[in-house]
Amino acid sequence: MKTPLFTLTTEELLSVAPEVRAKYREAITPKRIPTEAVRSVNYVASNEDDEEEDYAAQVSCRGEPLQPGGVILPDPYEVYLRRLAPGNDPRELRVAKESHALRSVVGLVDNKEWVEAIIDPGSQIVAMSEHVCNALALPYDPTIQLFMQSANGDVDRSLGLVRNVPFCVADIVLYLQVHVIRNAAYDILLGRPFDVLTKSVVKNFENEDQTLTIVCPNTGQTATIPTVPRGAARFRGPDVPRILRRGID
């Protein structure tokens, strides 16, 4: 006896066969396939004459995936070393020194003493140590004080402001507003007010020399002054080299 045949629709088949329904649902359901995080990217550096084939170098990323299509610029000196033919010595690469001495100018303060003044364009004020102020007997206004924070977080308060202090360098006499600082590590500090007043231009040389060109705001006279390395002496007394006294005597 033949087995009778029954025709079922898809809906009827899925309703009576749970296993078939589960397989069907798994086959047609979209799935999100996780991708591994990209932790490196290739960059291509071309040669100088564009005749050789480009090479790719692998650049690692510390933990974070790099964005697709990101561009990384290779180090020029590293590229130069990669292209260097075997047996050829690389050219000497000149680099900066660890540090250089601060530069100073020597000026006559209040027509009394020669004092070394450090050039510091990073300072917002012109400052003077308490010792210099007392030695020159300069009166200051104690009601004008500044709160200054050092690099280590300590906050110091200035003693006051000396107004219109004559500062003579070369043949130019400048009148500066000077803040008096207790326990300062310098005699005088020439900050931004000095640069703005004199329209100063600093020129540095390979042998560590430095010149300072200033313009007198009152007469328009221009002078170029060779700077000197910061010295350890607290004061410059009357025995100043003759070249520094030119135009003052």
C-alpha atoms as a PDB file:
ATOM      1  CA  MET A   1       0.000   0.000   0.000  1.00  0.00           C
ATOM      2  CA  LYS A   2       1.418   3.333  -1.020  1.00  0.00           C
ATOM      3  CA  THR A   3       2.012   6.052   1.569  1.00  0.00           C
ATOM      4  CA  PRO A   4      -0.247   9.006   0.896  1.00  0.00           C
ATOM      5  CA  LEU A   5       1.495  12.316   0.052  1.00  0.00           C
ATOM      6  CA  PHE A   6       0.585  15.538   1.783  1.00  0.00           C
ATOM      7  CA  THR A   7       1.474  18.967   0.443  1.00  0.00           C
ATOM      8  CA  LEU A   8       2.385  21.525   3.151  1.00  0.00           C
ATOM      9  CA  THR A   9       3.106  25.188   2.822  1.00  0.00           C
ATOM     10  CA  THR A  10       6.230  26.695   4.397  1.00  0.00           C
ATOM     11  CA  GLU A  11       4.189  28.226   7.207  1.00  0.00           C
ATOM     12  CA  GLU A  12       2.522  24.870   7.980  1.00  0.00           C
ATOM     13  CA  LEU A  13       5.862  23.039   7.955  1.00  0.00           C
ATOM     14  CA  LEU A  14       7.487  25.526  10.335  1.00  0.00           C
ATOM     15  CA  SER A  15       4.489  25.387  12.658  1.00  0.00           C
ATOM     16  CA  VAL A  16       4.604  21.596  13.076  1.00  0.00           C
ATOM     17  CA  ALA A  17       8.421  21.105  13.063  1.00  0.00           C
ATOM     18  CA  PRO A  18      10.212  23.120  15.811  1.00  0.00           C
ATOM     19  CA  GLU A  19      13.676  21.838  14.826  1.00  0.00           C
ATOM     20  CA  VAL A  20      13.179  22.867  11.210  1.00  0.00           C
ATOM     21  CA  ARG A  21      11.886  26.236  12.366  1.00  0.00           C
ATOM     22  CA  ALA A  22      15.006  26.815  14.493  1.00  0.00           C
ATOM     23  CA  LYS A  23      17.360  25.890  11.647  1.00  0.00           C
ATOM     24  CA  TYR A  24      15.465  28.114   9.238  1.00  0.00           C
ATOM     25  CA  ARG A  25      15.570  31.076  11.608  1.00  0.00           C
ATOM     26  CA  GLU A  26      19.315  30.603  12.158  1.00  0.00           C
ATOM     27  CA  ALA A  27      19.960  30.498   8.416  1.00  0.00           C
ATOM     28  CA  ILE A  28      18.079  33.666   7.502  1.00  0.00           C
ATOM     29  CA  THR A  29      18.869  35.835  10.544  1.00  0.00           C
ATOM     30  CA  PRO A  30      21.676  38.432   9.864  1.00  0.00           C
ATOM     31  CA  LYS A  31      24.675  38.053  12.157  1.00  0.00           C
ATOM     32  CA  ARG A  32      27.292  40.604  13.299  1.00  0.00           C
ATOM     33  CA  ILE A  33      30.752  39.083  12.947  1.00  0.00           C
ATOM     34  CA  PRO A  34      33.279  40.645  15.378  1.00  0.00           C
ATOM     35  CA  THR A  35      36.539  41.860  13.862  1.00  0.00           C
ATOM     36  CA  GLU A  36      39.888  41.960  15.596  1.00  0.00           C
ATOM     37  CA  ALA A  37      41.212  45.402  16.612  1.00  0.00           C
ATOM     38  CA  VAL A  38      43.827  46.703  14.212  1.00  0.00           C
ATOM     39  CA  ARG A  39      46.930  47.604  16.159  1.00  0.00           C
ATOM     40  CA  SER A  40      49.272  48.486  13.324  1.00  0.00           C
ATOM     41  CA  VAL A  41      49.320  50.421  10.107  1.00  0.00           C
ATOM     42  CA  ASN A  42      51.593  50.466   7.120  1.00  0.00           C
ATOM     43  CA  TYR A  43      53.215  53.629   5.900  1.00  0.00           C
ATOM     44  CA  VAL A  44      55.000  54.082   2.635  1.00  0.00           C
ATOM     45  CA  ALA A  45      58.082  56.248   2.192  1.00  0.00           C
ATOM     46  CA  SER A  46      59.145  57.153  -1.325  1.00  0.00           C
ATOM     47  CA  ASN A  47      62.754  57.516  -2.383  1.00  0.00           C
ATOM     48  CA  GLU A  48      64.370  60.794  -3.376  1.00  0.00           C
ATOM     49  CA  ASP A  49      64.450  60.240  -7.152  1.00  0.00           C
ATOM     50  CA  ASP A  50      61.111  58.371  -7.280  1.00  0.00           C
ATOM     51  CA  GLU A  51      62.747  55.623  -9.346  1.00  0.00           C
ATOM     52  CA  GLU A  52      63.011  52.904  -6.734  1.00  0.00           C
ATOM     53  CA  GLU A  53      60.030  50.991  -5.479  1.00  0.00           C
ATOM     54  CA  ASP A  54      58.386  52.211  -2.332  1.00  0.00           C
ATOM     55  CA  TYR A  55      58.791  50.161   0.797  1.00  0.00           C
ATOM     56  CA  ALA A  56      56.393  49.701   3.643  1.00  0.00           C
ATOM     57  CA  ALA A  57      57.335  49.568   7.311  1.00  0.00           C
ATOM     58  CA  GLN A  58      55.227  48.235  10.127  1.00  0.00           C
ATOM     59  CA  VAL A  59      54.397  50.771  12.852  1.00  0.00           C
ATOM     60  CA  SER A  60      53.086  49.438  16.130  1.00  0.00           C
ATOM     61  CA  CYS A  61      50.426  51.177  18.185  1.00  0.00           C
ATOM     62  CA  ARG A  62      50.334  50.918  21.972  1.00  0.00           C
ATOM     63  CA  GLY A  63      46.997  49.313  22.675  1.00  0.00           C
ATOM     64  CA  GLU A  64      44.686  51.616  20.726  1.00  0.00           C
ATOM     65  CA  PRO A  65      43.630  50.712  17.167  1.00  0.00           C
ATOM     66  CA  LEU A  66      44.673  53.180  14.510  1.00  0.00           C
ATOM     67  CA  GLN A  67      41.984  54.727  12.365  1.00  0.00           C
ATOM     68  CA  PRO A  68      41.633  53.249   8.871  1.00  0.00           C
ATOM     69  CA  GLY A  69      43.355  55.321   6.232  1.00  0.00           C
ATOM     70  CA  GLY A  70      45.591  57.094   8.758  1.00  0.00           C
ATOM     71  CA  VAL A  71      48.835  58.543   7.461  1.00  0.00           C
ATOM     72  CA  ILE A  72      52.067  58.389   9.448  1.00  0.00           C
ATOM     73  CA  LEU A  73      55.030  60.495   8.371  1.00  0.00           C
ATOM     74  CA  PRO A  74      58.329  58.637   8.639  1.00  0.00           C
ATOM     75  CA  ASP A  75      61.341  60.168  10.363  1.00  0.00           C
ATOM     76  CA  PRO A  76      63.554  61.698   7.635  1.00  0.00           C
ATOM     77  CA  TYR A  77      66.803  60.565   9.218  1.00  0.00           C
ATOM     78  CA  GLU A  78      65.508  57.009   9.636  1.00  0.00           C
ATOM     79  CA  VAL A  79      64.510  56.964   5.962  1.00  0.00           C
ATOM     80  CA  TYR A  80      67.984  58.225   5.061  1.00  0.00           C
ATOM     81  CA  LEU A  81      69.619  55.435   7.084  1.00  0.00           C
ATOM     82  CA  ARG A  82      67.387  52.815   5.443  1.00  0.00           C
ATOM     83  CA  ARG A  83      68.465  53.934   1.968  1.00  0.00           C
ATOM     84  CA  LEU A  84      72.144  54.148   2.834  1.00  0.00           C
ATOM     85  CA  ALA A  85      74.177  51.731   0.759  1.00  0.00           C
ATOM     86  CA  PRO A  86      76.105  49.048   2.662  1.00  0.00           C
ATOM     87  CA  GLY A  87      79.580  50.252   3.584  1.00  0.00           C
ATOM     88  CA  ASN A  88      78.714  53.947   3.393  1.00  0.00           C
ATOM     89  CA  ASP A  89      78.994  55.935   6.598  1.00  0.00           C
ATOM     90  CA  PRO A  90      76.005  58.158   7.398  1.00  0.00           C
ATOM     91  CA  ARG A  91      76.453  61.895   7.454  1.00  0.00           C
ATOM     92  CA  GLU A  92      76.911  63.500  10.845  1.00  0.00           C
ATOM     93  CA  LEU A  93      73.619  64.711  12.321  1.00  0.00           C
ATOM     94  CA  ARG A  94      73.938  67.904  14.332  1.00  0.00           C
ATOM     95  CA  VAL A  95      71.722  68.104  17.405  1.00  0.00           C
ATOM     96  CA  ALA A  96      71.091  70.620  20.169  1.00  0.00           C
ATOM     97  CA  LYS A  97      73.084  70.650  23.393  1.00  0.00           C
ATOM     98  CA  GLU A  98      71.438  69.748  26.669  1.00  0.00           C
ATOM     99  CA  SER A  99      71.584  73.361  27.874  1.00  0.00           C
ATOM    100  CA  HIS A 100      73.107  76.778  27.253  1.00  0.00           C
ATOM    101  CA  ALA A 101      74.011  79.523  29.681  1.00  0.00           C
ATOM    102  CA  LEU A 102      71.616  82.405  30.107  1.00  0.00           C
ATOM    103  CA  ARG A 103      72.776  85.691  28.598  1.00  0.00           C
ATOM    104  CA  SER A 104      73.027  89.054  30.322  1.00  0.00           C
ATOM    105  CA  VAL A 105      73.797  92.693  29.687  1.00  0.00           C
ATOM    106  CA  VAL A 106      75.609  94.997  32.095  1.00  0.00           C
ATOM    107  CA  GLY A 107      73.975  98.357  32.752  1.00  0.00           C
ATOM    108  CA  LEU A 108      74.388 101.337  35.041  1.00  0.00           C
ATOM    109  CA  VAL A 109      71.455 101.458  37.465  1.00  0.00           C
ATOM    110  CA  ASP A 110      70.362 104.816  38.891  1.00  0.00           C
ATOM    111  CA  ASN A 111      73.793 106.197  37.913  1.00  0.00           C
ATOM    112  CA  LYS A 112      75.260 104.355  40.925  1.00  0.00           C
ATOM    113  CA  GLU A 113      76.221 100.747  40.245  1.00  0.00           C
ATOM    114  CA  TRP A 114      76.938  98.497  37.302  1.00  0.00           C
ATOM    115  CA  VAL A 115      74.599  95.549  37.631  1.00  0.00           C
ATOM    116  CA  GLU A 116      74.248  92.412  35.558  1.00  0.00           C
ATOM    117  CA  ALA A 117      70.755  92.005  34.103  1.00  0.00           C
ATOM    118  CA  ILE A 118      69.530  88.683  32.740  1.00  0.00           C
ATOM    119  CA  ILE A 119      67.554  88.771  29.493  1.00  0.00           C
ATOM    120  CA  ASP A 120      64.374  86.739  29.974  1.00  0.00           C
ATOM    121  CA  PRO A 121      61.637  87.276  27.354  1.00  0.00           C
ATOM    122  CA  GLY A 122      59.541  84.657  29.155  1.00  0.00           C
ATOM    123  CA  SER A 123      59.015  86.933  32.161  1.00  0.00           C
ATOM    124  CA  GLN A 124      56.071  89.344  32.287  1.00  0.00           C
ATOM    125  CA  ILE A 125      57.882  91.830  34.537  1.00  0.00           C
ATOM    126  CA  VAL A 126      61.196  93.572  35.113  1.00  0.00           C
ATOM    127  CA  ALA A 127      62.463  92.507  38.521  1.00  0.00           C
ATOM    128  CA  MET A 128      65.290  93.319  40.923  1.00  0.00           C
ATOM    129  CA  SER A 129      66.580  91.464  43.952  1.00  0.00           C
ATOM    130  CA  GLU A 130      66.069  92.959  47.397  1.00  0.00           C
ATOM    131  CA  HIS A 131      69.847  93.054  47.903  1.00  0.00           C
ATOM    132  CA  VAL A 132      70.399  95.261  44.864  1.00  0.00           C
ATOM    133  CA  CYS A 133      67.519  97.532  45.846  1.00  0.00           C
ATOM    134  CA  ASN A 134      68.926  98.018  49.349  1.00  0.00           C
ATOM    135  CA  ALA A 135      72.489  98.531  48.114  1.00  0.00           C
ATOM    136  CA  LEU A 136      71.343 101.268  45.738  1.00  0.00           C
ATOM    137  CA  ALA A 137      68.972 102.764  48.324  1.00  0.00           C
ATOM    138  CA  LEU A 138      66.060 102.757  45.903  1.00  0.00           C
ATOM    139  CA  PRO A 139      62.669 103.609  47.443  1.00  0.00           C
ATOM    140  CA  TYR A 140      59.764 101.371  46.420  1.00  0.00           C
ATOM    141  CA  ASP A 141      55.993 101.418  46.781  1.00  0.00           C
ATOM    142  CA  PRO A 142      54.990  98.542  49.112  1.00  0.00           C
ATOM    143  CA  THR A 143      51.309  98.785  48.168  1.00  0.00           C
ATOM    144  CA  ILE A 144      51.974  97.332  44.710  1.00  0.00           C
ATOM    145  CA  GLN A 145      52.790  93.673  45.180  1.00  0.00           C
ATOM    146  CA  LEU A 146      52.670  90.609  42.976  1.00  0.00           C
ATOM    147  CA  PHE A 147      51.959  87.003  43.889  1.00  0.00           C
ATOM    148  CA  MET A 148      54.296  84.857  41.822  1.00  0.00           C
ATOM    149  CA  GLN A 149      54.166  81.086  41.536  1.00  0.00           C
ATOM    150  CA  SER A 150      57.370  79.213  40.831  1.00  0.00           C
ATOM    151  CA  ALA A 151      57.704  76.006  38.841  1.00  0.00           C
ATOM    152  CA  ASN A 152      57.576  73.890  42.014  1.00  0.00           C
ATOM    153  CA  GLY A 153      54.279  75.475  43.075  1.00  0.00           C
ATOM    154  CA  ASP A 154      55.600  77.813  45.773  1.00  0.00           C
ATOM    155  CA  VAL A 155      53.946  81.236  45.870  1.00  0.00           C
ATOM    156  CA  ASP A 156      56.073  84.275  46.720  1.00  0.00           C
ATOM    157  CA  ARG A 157      54.987  87.872  47.152  1.00  0.00           C
ATOM    158  CA  SER A 158      57.029  90.773  45.822  1.00  0.00           C
ATOM    159  CA  LEU A 159      58.053  93.578  48.171  1.00  0.00           C
ATOM    160  CA  GLY A 160      56.930  96.481  46.022  1.00  0.00           C
ATOM    161  CA  LEU A 161      57.504  98.510  42.868  1.00  0.00           C
ATOM    162  CA  VAL A 162      60.325 100.944  42.085  1.00  0.00           C
ATOM    163  CA  ARG A 163      59.136 103.461  39.512  1.00  0.00           C
ATOM    164  CA  ASN A 164      61.164 104.967  36.682  1.00  0.00           C
ATOM    165  CA  VAL A 165      64.519 103.394  37.509  1.00  0.00           C
ATOM    166  CA  PRO A 166      67.226 104.740  35.141  1.00  0.00           C
ATOM    167  CA  PHE A 167      68.949 101.829  33.418  1.00  0.00           C
ATOM    168  CA  CYS A 168      71.774 102.899  31.107  1.00  0.00           C
ATOM    169  CA  VAL A 169      73.233 100.486  28.579  1.00  0.00           C
ATOM    170  CA  ALA A 170      75.560 101.658  25.783  1.00  0.00           C
ATOM    171  CA  ASP A 171      74.442 105.254  25.154  1.00  0.00           C
ATOM    172  CA  ILE A 172      70.765 104.588  25.792  1.00  0.00           C
ATOM    173  CA  VAL A 173      69.015 105.451  29.051  1.00  0.00           C
ATOM    174  CA  LEU A 174      65.809 103.573  29.786  1.00  0.00           C
ATOM    175  CA  TYR A 175      63.342 104.193  32.592  1.00  0.00           C
ATOM    176  CA  LEU A 176      61.956 100.935  33.938  1.00  0.00           C
ATOM    177  CA  GLN A 177      59.249  99.945  36.397  1.00  0.00           C
ATOM    178  CA  VAL A 178      60.985  97.339  38.542  1.00  0.00           C
ATOM    179  CA  HIS A 179      59.417  94.893  40.998  1.00  0.00           C
ATOM    180  CA  VAL A 180      61.528  94.116  44.072  1.00  0.00           C
ATOM    181  CA  ILE A 181      61.811  90.391  44.843  1.00  0.00           C
ATOM    182  CA  ARG A 182      63.050  88.857  48.084  1.00  0.00           C
ATOM    183  CA  ASN A 183      65.620  86.045  47.808  1.00  0.00           C
ATOM    184  CA  ALA A 184      65.833  86.370  44.032  1.00  0.00           C
ATOM    185  CA  ALA A 185      68.398  84.231  42.201  1.00  0.00           C
ATOM    186  CA  TYR A 186      69.428  87.185  40.026  1.00  0.00           C
ATOM    187  CA  ASP A 187      70.372  90.838  40.343  1.00  0.00           C
ATOM    188  CA  ILE A 188      68.049  92.218  37.668  1.00  0.00           C
ATOM    189  CA  LEU A 189      65.701  90.387  35.323  1.00  0.00           C
ATOM    190  CA  LEU A 190      64.748  92.094  32.059  1.00  0.00           C
ATOM    191  CA  GLY A 191      61.397  90.658  30.988  1.00  0.00           C
ATOM    192  CA  ARG A 192      58.828  91.507  28.337  1.00  0.00           C
ATOM    193  CA  PRO A 193      58.361  95.176  29.356  1.00  0.00           C
ATOM    194  CA  PHE A 194      62.018  95.756  28.451  1.00  0.00           C
ATOM    195  CA  ASP A 195      61.606  94.017  25.080  1.00  0.00           C
ATOM    196  CA  VAL A 196      58.481  95.987  24.186  1.00  0.00           C
ATOM    197  CA  LEU A 197      59.947  99.331  25.292  1.00  0.00           C
ATOM    198  CA  THR A 198      63.144  98.900  23.270  1.00  0.00           C
ATOM    199  CA  LYS A 199      61.758  96.887  20.318  1.00  0.00           C
ATOM    200  CA  SER A 200      64.559  94.468  21.101  1.00  0.00           C
ATOM    201  CA  VAL A 201      65.879  92.012  18.530  1.00  0.00           C
ATOM    202  CA  VAL A 202      67.976  89.080  19.744  1.00  0.00           C
ATOM    203  CA  LYS A 203      70.359  87.336  17.363  1.00  0.00           C
ATOM    204  CA  ASN A 204      72.048  84.068  18.282  1.00  0.00           C
ATOM    205  CA  PHE A 205      75.178  82.627  16.706  1.00  0.00           C
ATOM    206  CA  GLU A 206      76.510  79.117  16.294  1.00  0.00           C
ATOM    207  CA  ASN A 207      79.430  79.751  18.657  1.00  0.00           C
ATOM    208  CA  GLU A 208      76.918  80.609  21.443  1.00  0.00           C
ATOM    209  CA  ASP A 209      77.467  84.363  21.114  1.00  0.00           C
ATOM    210  CA  GLN A 210      74.421  86.592  21.218  1.00  0.00           C
ATOM    211  CA  THR A 211      73.715  90.215  20.384  1.00  0.00           C
ATOM    212  CA  LEU A 212      70.852  92.416  21.530  1.00  0.00           C
ATOM    213  CA  THR A 213      69.698  95.299  19.339  1.00  0.00           C
ATOM    214  CA  ILE A 214      67.577  97.942  21.065  1.00  0.00           C
ATOM    215  CA  VAL A 215      66.037 101.282  20.102  1.00  0.00           C
ATOM    216  CA  CYS A 216      65.771 104.201  22.508  1.00  0.00           C
ATOM    217  CA  PRO A 217      62.049 105.026  22.829  1.00  0.00           C
ATOM    218  CA  ASN A 218      62.817 108.723  23.404  1.00  0.00           C
ATOM    219  CA  THR A 219      65.595 109.536  20.925  1.00  0.00           C
ATOM    220  CA  GLY A 220      65.254 106.748  18.365  1.00  0.00           C
ATOM    221  CA  GLN A 221      68.922 105.857  18.764  1.00  0.00           C
ATOM    222  CA  THR A 222      69.782 102.247  17.949  1.00  0.00           C
ATOM    223  CA  ALA A 223      72.500 100.165  19.575  1.00  0.00           C
ATOM    224  CA  THR A 224      73.621  96.565  19.221  1.00  0.00           C
ATOM    225  CA  ILE A 225      74.967  95.167  22.479  1.00  0.00           C
ATOM    226  CA  PRO A 226      76.971  91.941  22.781  1.00  0.00           C
ATOM    227  CA  THR A 227      75.548  89.901  25.637  1.00  0.00           C
ATOM    228  CA  VAL A 228      77.675  87.978  28.141  1.00  0.00           C
ATOM    229  CA  PRO A 229      77.099  84.640  29.885  1.00  0.00           C
ATOM    230  CA  ARG A 230      75.394  85.002  33.209  1.00  0.00           C
ATOM    231  CA  GLY A 231      78.018  85.534  35.887  1.00  0.00           C
ATOM    232  CA  ALA A 232      78.204  84.492  39.511  1.00  0.00           C
ATOM    233  CA  ALA A 233      79.086  87.942  40.874  1.00  0.00           C
ATOM    234  CA  ARG A 234      76.282  89.783  42.606  1.00  0.00           C
ATOM    235  CA  PHE A 235      77.402  93.274  41.559  1.00  0.00           C
ATOM    236  CA  ARG A 236      79.490  95.030  38.983  1.00  0.00           C
ATOM    237  CA  GLY A 237      81.360  97.746  40.822  1.00  0.00           C
ATOM    238  CA  PRO A 238      83.300 100.754  39.532  1.00  0.00           C
ATOM    239  CA  ASP A 239      86.019  98.547  37.976  1.00  0.00           C
ATOM    240  CA  VAL A 240      83.969  97.854  34.873  1.00  0.00           C
ATOM    241  CA  PRO A 241      85.825  97.252  31.600  1.00  0.00           C
ATOM    242  CA  ARG A 242      86.303 100.471  29.658  1.00  0.00           C
ATOM    243  CA  ILE A 243      84.283  99.181  26.704  1.00  0.00           C
ATOM    244  CA  LEU A 244      81.240  98.879  28.966  1.00  0.00           C
ATOM    245  CA  ARG A 245      81.679 102.409  30.288  1.00  0.00           C
ATOM    246  CA  ARG A 246      81.788 104.001  26.858  1.00  0.00           C
ATOM    247  CA  GLY A 247      79.270 106.811  26.633  1.00  0.00           C
ATOM    248  CA  ILE A 248      78.685 106.804  30.403  1.00  0.00           C
ATOM    249  CA  ASP A 249      81.788 108.538  31.785  1.00  0.00           C
END
